[in-house]
Amino acid sequence: MDRRLVTVTLAASLVSALAAAVAPVAAQAADKEKCYGVALKGQNDCAAGSHDCAGHSTISYDKQSFKLVPAGTCKTIKTPHGHGMLMPGKA
């Protein structure tokens, strides 16, 4: 086989595989929203404030950390510190 044809075929296969892997993630993210102030200690979905990784929050209900929740439900989630917020709050 021609070397260029092999290269193009491999590149096309790689692009197809990447597109298939990204599509479910994009669809999943579309029906979720970031909800700040509702994550329990160690259960956050973001890097914010004093930590740089998901699951590293050391404070429950941290207003700088979010949890992904079903779209449209964040403000209805009640915690001991108030309702969930769509934007990060002040620490």
PDB file of N, CA and C in Angstrom:
ATOM      1  N   MET A   1       0.834  -1.180   0.000  1.00  0.00           N
ATOM      2  CA  MET A   1       0.000   0.000   0.000  1.00  0.00           C
ATOM      3  C   MET A   1       0.878   1.242   0.000  1.00  0.00           C
ATOM      4  N   ASP A   2       0.346   2.289  -0.605  1.00  0.00           N
ATOM      5  CA  ASP A   2       1.064   3.564  -0.630  1.00  0.00           C
ATOM      6  C   ASP A   2       1.171   4.112   0.791  1.00  0.00           C
ATOM      7  N   ARG A   3       2.313   4.625   1.138  1.00  0.00           N
ATOM      8  CA  ARG A   3       2.576   5.121   2.493  1.00  0.00           C
ATOM      9  C   ARG A   3       1.619   6.267   2.865  1.00  0.00           C
ATOM     10  N   ARG A   4       1.323   7.166   1.912  1.00  0.00           N
ATOM     11  CA  ARG A   4       0.391   8.271   2.177  1.00  0.00           C
ATOM     12  C   ARG A   4      -1.010   7.759   2.466  1.00  0.00           C
ATOM     13  N   LEU A   5      -1.437   6.749   1.757  1.00  0.00           N
ATOM     14  CA  LEU A   5      -2.765   6.174   1.963  1.00  0.00           C
ATOM     15  C   LEU A   5      -2.876   5.576   3.359  1.00  0.00           C
ATOM     16  N   VAL A   6      -1.850   4.898   3.805  1.00  0.00           N
ATOM     17  CA  VAL A   6      -1.844   4.317   5.149  1.00  0.00           C
ATOM     18  C   VAL A   6      -1.927   5.427   6.195  1.00  0.00           C
ATOM     19  N   THR A   7      -1.158   6.484   6.003  1.00  0.00           N
ATOM     20  CA  THR A   7      -1.161   7.607   6.946  1.00  0.00           C
ATOM     21  C   THR A   7      -2.536   8.261   7.009  1.00  0.00           C
ATOM     22  N   VAL A   8      -3.143   8.506   5.866  1.00  0.00           N
ATOM     23  CA  VAL A   8      -4.471   9.131   5.822  1.00  0.00           C
ATOM     24  C   VAL A   8      -5.514   8.210   6.460  1.00  0.00           C
ATOM     25  N   THR A   9      -5.433   6.932   6.198  1.00  0.00           N
ATOM     26  CA  THR A   9      -6.373   5.969   6.767  1.00  0.00           C
ATOM     27  C   THR A   9      -6.248   5.912   8.290  1.00  0.00           C
ATOM     28  N   LEU A  10      -5.035   5.884   8.792  1.00  0.00           N
ATOM     29  CA  LEU A  10      -4.819   5.876  10.235  1.00  0.00           C
ATOM     30  C   LEU A  10      -5.321   7.171  10.884  1.00  0.00           C
ATOM     31  N   ALA A  11      -5.062   8.294  10.235  1.00  0.00           N
ATOM     32  CA  ALA A  11      -5.528   9.579  10.769  1.00  0.00           C
ATOM     33  C   ALA A  11      -7.046   9.625  10.807  1.00  0.00           C
ATOM     34  N   ALA A  12      -7.697   9.153   9.763  1.00  0.00           N
ATOM     35  CA  ALA A  12      -9.160   9.138   9.723  1.00  0.00           C
ATOM     36  C   ALA A  12      -9.728   8.225  10.813  1.00  0.00           C
ATOM     37  N   SER A  13      -9.081   7.104  11.040  1.00  0.00           N
ATOM     38  CA  SER A  13      -9.529   6.186  12.097  1.00  0.00           C
ATOM     39  C   SER A  13      -9.393   6.830  13.468  1.00  0.00           C
ATOM     40  N   LEU A  14      -8.304   7.523  13.686  1.00  0.00           N
ATOM     41  CA  LEU A  14      -8.081   8.202  14.962  1.00  0.00           C
ATOM     42  C   LEU A  14      -9.115   9.298  15.196  1.00  0.00           C
ATOM     43  N   VAL A  15      -9.393  10.078  14.177  1.00  0.00           N
ATOM     44  CA  VAL A  15     -10.401  11.141  14.296  1.00  0.00           C
ATOM     45  C   VAL A  15     -11.775  10.552  14.596  1.00  0.00           C
ATOM     46  N   SER A  16     -12.131   9.474  13.945  1.00  0.00           N
ATOM     47  CA  SER A  16     -13.422   8.824  14.187  1.00  0.00           C
ATOM     48  C   SER A  16     -13.516   8.294  15.617  1.00  0.00           C
ATOM     49  N   ALA A  17     -12.454   7.690  16.090  1.00  0.00           N
ATOM     50  CA  ALA A  17     -12.455   7.150  17.452  1.00  0.00           C
ATOM     51  C   ALA A  17     -12.576   8.267  18.482  1.00  0.00           C
ATOM     52  N   LEU A  18     -11.860   9.351  18.280  1.00  0.00           N
ATOM     53  CA  LEU A  18     -11.944  10.480  19.207  1.00  0.00           C
ATOM     54  C   LEU A  18     -13.332  11.106  19.196  1.00  0.00           C
ATOM     55  N   ALA A  19     -13.926  11.261  18.046  1.00  0.00           N
ATOM     56  CA  ALA A  19     -15.271  11.834  17.951  1.00  0.00           C
ATOM     57  C   ALA A  19     -16.284  10.951  18.671  1.00  0.00           C
ATOM     58  N   ALA A  20     -16.159   9.659  18.543  1.00  0.00           N
ATOM     59  CA  ALA A  20     -17.084   8.735  19.209  1.00  0.00           C
ATOM     60  C   ALA A  20     -16.914   8.791  20.723  1.00  0.00           C
ATOM     61  N   ALA A  21     -15.704   9.008  21.187  1.00  0.00           N
ATOM     62  CA  ALA A  21     -15.453   9.064  22.630  1.00  0.00           C
ATOM     63  C   ALA A  21     -15.950  10.363  23.234  1.00  0.00           C
ATOM     64  N   VAL A  22     -15.878  11.462  22.501  1.00  0.00           N
ATOM     65  CA  VAL A  22     -16.259  12.779  23.018  1.00  0.00           C
ATOM     66  C   VAL A  22     -17.778  12.984  22.983  1.00  0.00           C
ATOM     67  N   ALA A  23     -18.472  12.424  22.030  1.00  0.00           N
ATOM     68  CA  ALA A  23     -19.910  12.639  21.872  1.00  0.00           C
ATOM     69  C   ALA A  23     -20.717  12.301  23.122  1.00  0.00           C
ATOM     70  N   PRO A  24     -20.525  11.159  23.785  1.00  0.00           N
ATOM     71  CA  PRO A  24     -21.306  10.865  24.988  1.00  0.00           C
ATOM     72  C   PRO A  24     -21.014  11.846  26.127  1.00  0.00           C
ATOM     73  N   VAL A  25     -19.776  12.292  26.246  1.00  0.00           N
ATOM     74  CA  VAL A  25     -19.421  13.238  27.301  1.00  0.00           C
ATOM     75  C   VAL A  25     -20.129  14.565  27.075  1.00  0.00           C
ATOM     76  N   ALA A  26     -20.162  15.041  25.836  1.00  0.00           N
ATOM     77  CA  ALA A  26     -20.835  16.298  25.525  1.00  0.00           C
ATOM     78  C   ALA A  26     -22.336  16.190  25.783  1.00  0.00           C
ATOM     79  N   ALA A  27     -22.928  15.069  25.419  1.00  0.00           N
ATOM     80  CA  ALA A  27     -24.362  14.885  25.656  1.00  0.00           C
ATOM     81  C   ALA A  27     -24.654  14.811  27.147  1.00  0.00           C
ATOM     82  N   GLN A  28     -23.783  14.165  27.910  1.00  0.00           N
ATOM     83  CA  GLN A  28     -23.980  14.053  29.346  1.00  0.00           C
ATOM     84  C   GLN A  28     -23.854  15.418  30.008  1.00  0.00           C
ATOM     85  N   ALA A  29     -22.889  16.217  29.581  1.00  0.00           N
ATOM     86  CA  ALA A  29     -22.677  17.533  30.176  1.00  0.00           C
ATOM     87  C   ALA A  29     -23.831  18.475  29.854  1.00  0.00           C
ATOM     88  N   ALA A  30     -24.512  18.277  28.746  1.00  0.00           N
ATOM     89  CA  ALA A  30     -25.597  19.163  28.343  1.00  0.00           C
ATOM     90  C   ALA A  30     -26.785  19.079  29.289  1.00  0.00           C
ATOM     91  N   ASP A  31     -27.008  17.936  29.911  1.00  0.00           N
ATOM     92  CA  ASP A  31     -28.152  17.808  30.808  1.00  0.00           C
ATOM     93  C   ASP A  31     -27.749  17.959  32.278  1.00  0.00           C
ATOM     94  N   LYS A  32     -26.555  18.494  32.515  1.00  0.00           N
ATOM     95  CA  LYS A  32     -26.064  18.733  33.874  1.00  0.00           C
ATOM     96  C   LYS A  32     -25.738  20.219  34.033  1.00  0.00           C
ATOM     97  N   GLU A  33     -25.702  20.674  35.276  1.00  0.00           N
ATOM     98  CA  GLU A  33     -25.254  22.035  35.550  1.00  0.00           C
ATOM     99  C   GLU A  33     -24.358  22.026  36.781  1.00  0.00           C
ATOM    100  N   LYS A  34     -23.467  23.012  36.847  1.00  0.00           N
ATOM    101  CA  LYS A  34     -22.577  23.144  37.998  1.00  0.00           C
ATOM    102  C   LYS A  34     -23.377  23.774  39.131  1.00  0.00           C
ATOM    103  N   CYS A  35     -23.361  23.130  40.282  1.00  0.00           N
ATOM    104  CA  CYS A  35     -24.091  23.629  41.443  1.00  0.00           C
ATOM    105  C   CYS A  35     -23.094  23.832  42.585  1.00  0.00           C
ATOM    106  N   TYR A  36     -22.879  25.083  42.947  1.00  0.00           N
ATOM    107  CA  TYR A  36     -21.900  25.439  43.978  1.00  0.00           C
ATOM    108  C   TYR A  36     -22.532  25.386  45.362  1.00  0.00           C
ATOM    109  N   GLY A  37     -21.732  24.966  46.333  1.00  0.00           N
ATOM    110  CA  GLY A  37     -22.172  24.971  47.721  1.00  0.00           C
ATOM    111  C   GLY A  37     -22.951  23.754  48.172  1.00  0.00           C
ATOM    112  N   VAL A  38     -23.015  22.713  47.353  1.00  0.00           N
ATOM    113  CA  VAL A  38     -23.801  21.529  47.721  1.00  0.00           C
ATOM    114  C   VAL A  38     -22.957  20.269  47.902  1.00  0.00           C
ATOM    115  N   ALA A  39     -21.705  20.313  47.476  1.00  0.00           N
ATOM    116  CA  ALA A  39     -20.847  19.111  47.539  1.00  0.00           C
ATOM    117  C   ALA A  39     -20.393  18.839  48.967  1.00  0.00           C
ATOM    118  N   LEU A  40     -20.440  17.584  49.345  1.00  0.00           N
ATOM    119  CA  LEU A  40     -19.906  17.178  50.636  1.00  0.00           C
ATOM    120  C   LEU A  40     -18.383  17.071  50.535  1.00  0.00           C
ATOM    121  N   LYS A  41     -17.716  17.069  51.664  1.00  0.00           N
ATOM    122  CA  LYS A  41     -16.256  16.977  51.710  1.00  0.00           C
ATOM    123  C   LYS A  41     -15.791  15.775  50.883  1.00  0.00           C
ATOM    124  N   GLY A  42     -14.873  16.030  49.960  1.00  0.00           N
ATOM    125  CA  GLY A  42     -14.309  14.963  49.136  1.00  0.00           C
ATOM    126  C   GLY A  42     -15.183  14.498  47.994  1.00  0.00           C
ATOM    127  N   GLN A  43     -16.327  15.158  47.762  1.00  0.00           N
ATOM    128  CA  GLN A  43     -17.227  14.724  46.697  1.00  0.00           C
ATOM    129  C   GLN A  43     -17.464  15.806  45.649  1.00  0.00           C
ATOM    130  N   ASN A  44     -16.575  16.791  45.571  1.00  0.00           N
ATOM    131  CA  ASN A  44     -16.717  17.862  44.585  1.00  0.00           C
ATOM    132  C   ASN A  44     -16.317  17.378  43.190  1.00  0.00           C
ATOM    133  N   ASP A  45     -16.822  18.071  42.179  1.00  0.00           N
ATOM    134  CA  ASP A  45     -16.511  17.722  40.789  1.00  0.00           C
ATOM    135  C   ASP A  45     -15.591  18.745  40.135  1.00  0.00           C
ATOM    136  N   CYS A  46     -14.938  19.591  40.925  1.00  0.00           N
ATOM    137  CA  CYS A  46     -14.135  20.640  40.314  1.00  0.00           C
ATOM    138  C   CYS A  46     -12.859  20.900  41.083  1.00  0.00           C
ATOM    139  N   ALA A  47     -12.010  21.713  40.471  1.00  0.00           N
ATOM    140  CA  ALA A  47     -10.820  22.220  41.140  1.00  0.00           C
ATOM    141  C   ALA A  47     -11.066  23.694  41.427  1.00  0.00           C
ATOM    142  N   ALA A  48     -11.054  24.061  42.676  1.00  0.00           N
ATOM    143  CA  ALA A  48     -11.317  25.452  43.043  1.00  0.00           C
ATOM    144  C   ALA A  48     -10.770  25.748  44.427  1.00  0.00           C
ATOM    145  N   GLY A  49     -10.586  27.020  44.702  1.00  0.00           N
ATOM    146  CA  GLY A  49     -10.148  27.417  46.033  1.00  0.00           C
ATOM    147  C   GLY A  49      -8.794  26.832  46.392  1.00  0.00           C
ATOM    148  N   SER A  50      -8.717  26.134  47.504  1.00  0.00           N
ATOM    149  CA  SER A  50      -7.440  25.635  48.006  1.00  0.00           C
ATOM    150  C   SER A  50      -7.076  24.249  47.474  1.00  0.00           C
ATOM    151  N   HIS A  51      -7.882  23.671  46.607  1.00  0.00           N
ATOM    152  CA  HIS A  51      -7.565  22.354  46.052  1.00  0.00           C
ATOM    153  C   HIS A  51      -7.546  22.430  44.535  1.00  0.00           C
ATOM    154  N   ASP A  52      -6.883  21.481  43.912  1.00  0.00           N
ATOM    155  CA  ASP A  52      -6.739  21.528  42.461  1.00  0.00           C
ATOM    156  C   ASP A  52      -7.251  20.279  41.754  1.00  0.00           C
ATOM    157  N   CYS A  53      -8.070  19.508  42.437  1.00  0.00           N
ATOM    158  CA  CYS A  53      -8.549  18.267  41.826  1.00  0.00           C
ATOM    159  C   CYS A  53      -9.952  17.922  42.305  1.00  0.00           C
ATOM    160  N   ALA A  54     -10.710  17.251  41.441  1.00  0.00           N
ATOM    161  CA  ALA A  54     -12.020  16.756  41.851  1.00  0.00           C
ATOM    162  C   ALA A  54     -11.840  15.786  43.004  1.00  0.00           C
ATOM    163  N   GLY A  55     -12.718  15.881  43.997  1.00  0.00           N
ATOM    164  CA  GLY A  55     -12.655  14.992  45.140  1.00  0.00           C
ATOM    165  C   GLY A  55     -11.703  15.442  46.235  1.00  0.00           C
ATOM    166  N   HIS A  56     -11.084  16.602  46.083  1.00  0.00           N
ATOM    167  CA  HIS A  56     -10.107  17.064  47.067  1.00  0.00           C
ATOM    168  C   HIS A  56     -10.644  18.132  48.014  1.00  0.00           C
ATOM    169  N   SER A  57     -11.899  18.473  47.931  1.00  0.00           N
ATOM    170  CA  SER A  57     -12.463  19.478  48.834  1.00  0.00           C
ATOM    171  C   SER A  57     -12.370  18.977  50.271  1.00  0.00           C
ATOM    172  N   THR A  58     -11.948  19.856  51.171  1.00  0.00           N
ATOM    173  CA  THR A  58     -11.813  19.475  52.577  1.00  0.00           C
ATOM    174  C   THR A  58     -12.954  20.016  53.422  1.00  0.00           C
ATOM    175  N   ILE A  59     -13.892  20.712  52.779  1.00  0.00           N
ATOM    176  CA  ILE A  59     -15.007  21.335  53.495  1.00  0.00           C
ATOM    177  C   ILE A  59     -16.319  20.929  52.816  1.00  0.00           C
ATOM    178  N   SER A  60     -17.294  20.514  53.587  1.00  0.00           N
ATOM    179  CA  SER A  60     -18.621  20.250  53.033  1.00  0.00           C
ATOM    180  C   SER A  60     -19.306  21.584  52.756  1.00  0.00           C
ATOM    181  N   TYR A  61     -20.068  21.645  51.675  1.00  0.00           N
ATOM    182  CA  TYR A  61     -20.849  22.818  51.265  1.00  0.00           C
ATOM    183  C   TYR A  61     -19.967  24.023  50.949  1.00  0.00           C
ATOM    184  N   ASP A  62     -18.748  23.775  50.460  1.00  0.00           N
ATOM    185  CA  ASP A  62     -17.832  24.850  50.076  1.00  0.00           C
ATOM    186  C   ASP A  62     -18.438  25.633  48.913  1.00  0.00           C
ATOM    187  N   LYS A  63     -18.552  26.938  49.048  1.00  0.00           N
ATOM    188  CA  LYS A  63     -19.172  27.782  48.023  1.00  0.00           C
ATOM    189  C   LYS A  63     -18.294  27.964  46.796  1.00  0.00           C
ATOM    190  N   GLN A  64     -17.042  27.507  46.860  1.00  0.00           N
ATOM    191  CA  GLN A  64     -16.131  27.597  45.719  1.00  0.00           C
ATOM    192  C   GLN A  64     -16.073  26.288  44.928  1.00  0.00           C
ATOM    193  N   SER A  65     -16.661  25.236  45.434  1.00  0.00           N
ATOM    194  CA  SER A  65     -16.624  23.922  44.787  1.00  0.00           C
ATOM    195  C   SER A  65     -18.007  23.567  44.257  1.00  0.00           C
ATOM    196  N   PHE A  66     -18.024  22.939  43.084  1.00  0.00           N
ATOM    197  CA  PHE A  66     -19.322  22.550  42.533  1.00  0.00           C
ATOM    198  C   PHE A  66     -19.477  21.051  42.443  1.00  0.00           C
ATOM    199  N   LYS A  67     -20.711  20.648  42.303  1.00  0.00           N
ATOM    200  CA  LYS A  67     -21.110  19.267  42.052  1.00  0.00           C
ATOM    201  C   LYS A  67     -21.990  19.320  40.809  1.00  0.00           C
ATOM    202  N   LEU A  68     -21.798  18.427  39.861  1.00  0.00           N
ATOM    203  CA  LEU A  68     -22.673  18.379  38.691  1.00  0.00           C
ATOM    204  C   LEU A  68     -24.001  17.754  39.105  1.00  0.00           C
ATOM    205  N   VAL A  69     -25.086  18.447  38.798  1.00  0.00           N
ATOM    206  CA  VAL A  69     -26.431  17.980  39.138  1.00  0.00           C
ATOM    207  C   VAL A  69     -27.301  18.070  37.895  1.00  0.00           C
ATOM    208  N   PRO A  70     -28.446  17.394  37.861  1.00  0.00           N
ATOM    209  CA  PRO A  70     -29.335  17.505  36.711  1.00  0.00           C
ATOM    210  C   PRO A  70     -29.724  18.968  36.463  1.00  0.00           C
ATOM    211  N   ALA A  71     -29.742  19.360  35.197  1.00  0.00           N
ATOM    212  CA  ALA A  71     -30.056  20.738  34.827  1.00  0.00           C
ATOM    213  C   ALA A  71     -31.398  21.174  35.413  1.00  0.00           C
ATOM    214  N   GLY A  72     -31.426  22.374  35.972  1.00  0.00           N
ATOM    215  CA  GLY A  72     -32.650  22.939  36.514  1.00  0.00           C
ATOM    216  C   GLY A  72     -32.929  22.593  37.967  1.00  0.00           C
ATOM    217  N   THR A  73     -32.029  21.827  38.614  1.00  0.00           N
ATOM    218  CA  THR A  73     -32.309  21.406  39.990  1.00  0.00           C
ATOM    219  C   THR A  73     -31.436  22.090  41.037  1.00  0.00           C
ATOM    220  N   CYS A  74     -30.399  22.794  40.620  1.00  0.00           N
ATOM    221  CA  CYS A  74     -29.423  23.334  41.575  1.00  0.00           C
ATOM    222  C   CYS A  74     -30.073  24.209  42.645  1.00  0.00           C
ATOM    223  N   LYS A  75     -30.866  25.170  42.241  1.00  0.00           N
ATOM    224  CA  LYS A  75     -31.432  26.122  43.206  1.00  0.00           C
ATOM    225  C   LYS A  75     -32.462  25.488  44.131  1.00  0.00           C
ATOM    226  N   THR A  76     -32.889  24.271  43.832  1.00  0.00           N
ATOM    227  CA  THR A  76     -33.857  23.591  44.698  1.00  0.00           C
ATOM    228  C   THR A  76     -33.178  22.722  45.752  1.00  0.00           C
ATOM    229  N   ILE A  77     -31.859  22.534  45.632  1.00  0.00           N
ATOM    230  CA  ILE A  77     -31.127  21.712  46.594  1.00  0.00           C
ATOM    231  C   ILE A  77     -30.874  22.531  47.856  1.00  0.00           C
ATOM    232  N   LYS A  78     -31.383  22.057  48.977  1.00  0.00           N
ATOM    233  CA  LYS A  78     -31.235  22.768  50.246  1.00  0.00           C
ATOM    234  C   LYS A  78     -30.164  22.088  51.085  1.00  0.00           C
ATOM    235  N   THR A  79     -29.268  22.892  51.640  1.00  0.00           N
ATOM    236  CA  THR A  79     -28.201  22.405  52.515  1.00  0.00           C
ATOM    237  C   THR A  79     -28.345  23.104  53.869  1.00  0.00           C
ATOM    238  N   PRO A  80     -27.565  22.715  54.860  1.00  0.00           N
ATOM    239  CA  PRO A  80     -27.609  23.417  56.144  1.00  0.00           C
ATOM    240  C   PRO A  80     -27.180  24.893  56.031  1.00  0.00           C
ATOM    241  N   HIS A  81     -26.556  25.256  54.897  1.00  0.00           N
ATOM    242  CA  HIS A  81     -26.072  26.620  54.700  1.00  0.00           C
ATOM    243  C   HIS A  81     -26.870  27.386  53.651  1.00  0.00           C
ATOM    244  N   GLY A  82     -28.007  26.885  53.237  1.00  0.00           N
ATOM    245  CA  GLY A  82     -28.831  27.540  52.217  1.00  0.00           C
ATOM    246  C   GLY A  82     -28.985  26.665  50.981  1.00  0.00           C
ATOM    247  N   HIS A  83     -29.430  27.275  49.903  1.00  0.00           N
ATOM    248  CA  HIS A  83     -29.672  26.552  48.654  1.00  0.00           C
ATOM    249  C   HIS A  83     -28.423  26.545  47.779  1.00  0.00           C
ATOM    250  N   GLY A  84     -28.404  25.631  46.803  1.00  0.00           N
ATOM    251  CA  GLY A  84     -27.322  25.572  45.845  1.00  0.00           C
ATOM    252  C   GLY A  84     -27.291  26.835  45.002  1.00  0.00           C
ATOM    253  N   MET A  85     -26.105  27.140  44.439  1.00  0.00           N
ATOM    254  CA  MET A  85     -25.913  28.355  43.657  1.00  0.00           C
ATOM    255  C   MET A  85     -25.334  27.995  42.284  1.00  0.00           C
ATOM    256  N   LEU A  86     -25.714  28.735  41.253  1.00  0.00           N
ATOM    257  CA  LEU A  86     -25.211  28.499  39.917  1.00  0.00           C
ATOM    258  C   LEU A  86     -23.862  29.169  39.679  1.00  0.00           C
ATOM    259  N   MET A  87     -23.464  30.069  40.540  1.00  0.00           N
ATOM    260  CA  MET A  87     -22.169  30.759  40.452  1.00  0.00           C
ATOM    261  C   MET A  87     -21.444  30.545  41.774  1.00  0.00           C
ATOM    262  N   PRO A  88     -20.094  30.513  41.750  1.00  0.00           N
ATOM    263  CA  PRO A  88     -19.369  30.321  43.014  1.00  0.00           C
ATOM    264  C   PRO A  88     -19.608  31.494  43.955  1.00  0.00           C
ATOM    265  N   GLY A  89     -19.712  31.186  45.230  1.00  0.00           N
ATOM    266  CA  GLY A  89     -19.909  32.219  46.246  1.00  0.00           C
ATOM    267  C   GLY A  89     -18.598  32.605  46.881  1.00  0.00           C
ATOM    268  N   LYS A  90     -18.650  33.620  47.704  1.00  0.00           N
ATOM    269  CA  LYS A  90     -17.452  34.057  48.421  1.00  0.00           C
ATOM    270  C   LYS A  90     -17.173  33.094  49.571  1.00  0.00           C
ATOM    271  N   ALA A  91     -15.914  32.802  49.750  1.00  0.00           N
ATOM    272  CA  ALA A  91     -15.505  31.851  50.794  1.00  0.00           C
ATOM    273  C   ALA A  91     -15.725  32.399  52.185  1.00  0.00           C
TER     274      ALA A  91
END
